[in-house]
Amino acid sequence: MQRSTKSIFAQLVQLMGGKIEFQNLVNKYQSDKGTKGLTTWGQFIAMLFCQLTGAGSLRE
């Protein structure tokens, strides 16, 4: 039997409601309308990761 483990980051995202609840809000407020690059979810995950790792910017 193989045991699967989730990273602490994945567990934190799951505690925050995960992608489904977030996507419901994105659809409600149409925040992805007209995006050409990063989606709202992608930007949120990138910014959350940078915040937790203490990065000074997204480019570091």
C-alpha atoms as a PDB file:
ATOM      1  CA  MET A   1       0.000   0.000   0.000  1.00  0.00           C
ATOM      2  CA  GLN A   2       1.384   3.363  -1.028  1.00  0.00           C
ATOM      3  CA  ARG A   3       0.937   6.248   1.361  1.00  0.00           C
ATOM      4  CA  SER A   4       0.422   9.671  -0.159  1.00  0.00           C
ATOM      5  CA  THR A   5       1.437  12.839   1.603  1.00  0.00           C
ATOM      6  CA  LYS A   6       0.501  16.435   0.905  1.00  0.00           C
ATOM      7  CA  SER A   7       2.889  19.313   1.323  1.00  0.00           C
ATOM      8  CA  ILE A   8       2.171  21.824   4.047  1.00  0.00           C
ATOM      9  CA  PHE A   9       1.510  24.397   1.335  1.00  0.00           C
ATOM     10  CA  ALA A  10      -1.114  22.124  -0.285  1.00  0.00           C
ATOM     11  CA  GLN A  11      -2.719  21.517   3.097  1.00  0.00           C
ATOM     12  CA  LEU A  12      -2.861  25.259   3.759  1.00  0.00           C
ATOM     13  CA  VAL A  13      -4.537  25.919   0.402  1.00  0.00           C
ATOM     14  CA  GLN A  14      -7.013  23.153   1.141  1.00  0.00           C
ATOM     15  CA  LEU A  15      -7.833  24.701   4.538  1.00  0.00           C
ATOM     16  CA  MET A  16      -8.571  27.998   2.790  1.00  0.00           C
ATOM     17  CA  GLY A  17     -11.326  26.319   0.774  1.00  0.00           C
ATOM     18  CA  GLY A  18      -9.254  25.018  -2.108  1.00  0.00           C
ATOM     19  CA  LYS A  19      -9.673  25.876  -5.743  1.00  0.00           C
ATOM     20  CA  ILE A  20     -13.391  25.106  -6.097  1.00  0.00           C
ATOM     21  CA  GLU A  21     -14.603  27.751  -3.649  1.00  0.00           C
ATOM     22  CA  PHE A  22     -12.077  30.232  -5.033  1.00  0.00           C
ATOM     23  CA  GLN A  23     -13.254  29.523  -8.587  1.00  0.00           C
ATOM     24  CA  ASN A  24     -16.858  30.168  -7.538  1.00  0.00           C
ATOM     25  CA  LEU A  25     -15.827  33.669  -6.414  1.00  0.00           C
ATOM     26  CA  VAL A  26     -13.823  34.230  -9.608  1.00  0.00           C
ATOM     27  CA  ASN A  27     -16.904  33.327 -11.653  1.00  0.00           C
ATOM     28  CA  LYS A  28     -19.199  35.472  -9.502  1.00  0.00           C
ATOM     29  CA  TYR A  29     -17.051  38.602  -9.847  1.00  0.00           C
ATOM     30  CA  GLN A  30     -15.691  37.772 -13.350  1.00  0.00           C
ATOM     31  CA  SER A  31     -12.129  38.499 -12.239  1.00  0.00           C
ATOM     32  CA  ASP A  32     -10.612  36.348 -15.004  1.00  0.00           C
ATOM     33  CA  LYS A  33     -12.487  38.218 -17.724  1.00  0.00           C
ATOM     34  CA  GLY A  34     -10.000  39.433 -20.315  1.00  0.00           C
ATOM     35  CA  THR A  35      -6.906  37.909 -18.707  1.00  0.00           C
ATOM     36  CA  LYS A  36      -4.125  37.047 -21.106  1.00  0.00           C
ATOM     37  CA  GLY A  37      -1.525  35.643 -18.766  1.00  0.00           C
ATOM     38  CA  LEU A  38      -1.821  34.434 -15.227  1.00  0.00           C
ATOM     39  CA  THR A  39      -5.276  33.472 -14.006  1.00  0.00           C
ATOM     40  CA  THR A  40      -6.601  34.817 -10.714  1.00  0.00           C
ATOM     41  CA  TRP A  41      -5.938  31.419  -9.126  1.00  0.00           C
ATOM     42  CA  GLY A  42      -2.382  31.311 -10.471  1.00  0.00           C
ATOM     43  CA  GLN A  43      -1.625  34.790  -9.184  1.00  0.00           C
ATOM     44  CA  PHE A  44      -3.142  34.012  -5.787  1.00  0.00           C
ATOM     45  CA  ILE A  45      -1.017  30.863  -5.418  1.00  0.00           C
ATOM     46  CA  ALA A  46       2.145  32.670  -6.537  1.00  0.00           C
ATOM     47  CA  MET A  47       1.550  35.549  -4.119  1.00  0.00           C
ATOM     48  CA  LEU A  48       0.675  33.200  -1.252  1.00  0.00           C
ATOM     49  CA  PHE A  49       3.843  31.175  -1.826  1.00  0.00           C
ATOM     50  CA  CYS A  50       5.974  34.346  -1.962  1.00  0.00           C
ATOM     51  CA  GLN A  51       4.374  35.652   1.218  1.00  0.00           C
ATOM     52  CA  LEU A  52       5.026  32.405   3.082  1.00  0.00           C
ATOM     53  CA  THR A  53       8.634  32.131   1.885  1.00  0.00           C
ATOM     54  CA  GLY A  54       9.440  35.773   2.619  1.00  0.00           C
ATOM     55  CA  ALA A  55      10.223  36.728  -0.974  1.00  0.00           C
ATOM     56  CA  GLY A  56      10.556  40.443  -1.686  1.00  0.00           C
ATOM     57  CA  SER A  57       8.829  40.168  -5.055  1.00  0.00           C
ATOM     58  CA  LEU A  58       7.503  37.652  -7.553  1.00  0.00           C
ATOM     59  CA  ARG A  59      10.726  37.976  -9.569  1.00  0.00           C
ATOM     60  CA  GLU A  60      13.117  36.903  -6.815  1.00  0.00           C
END
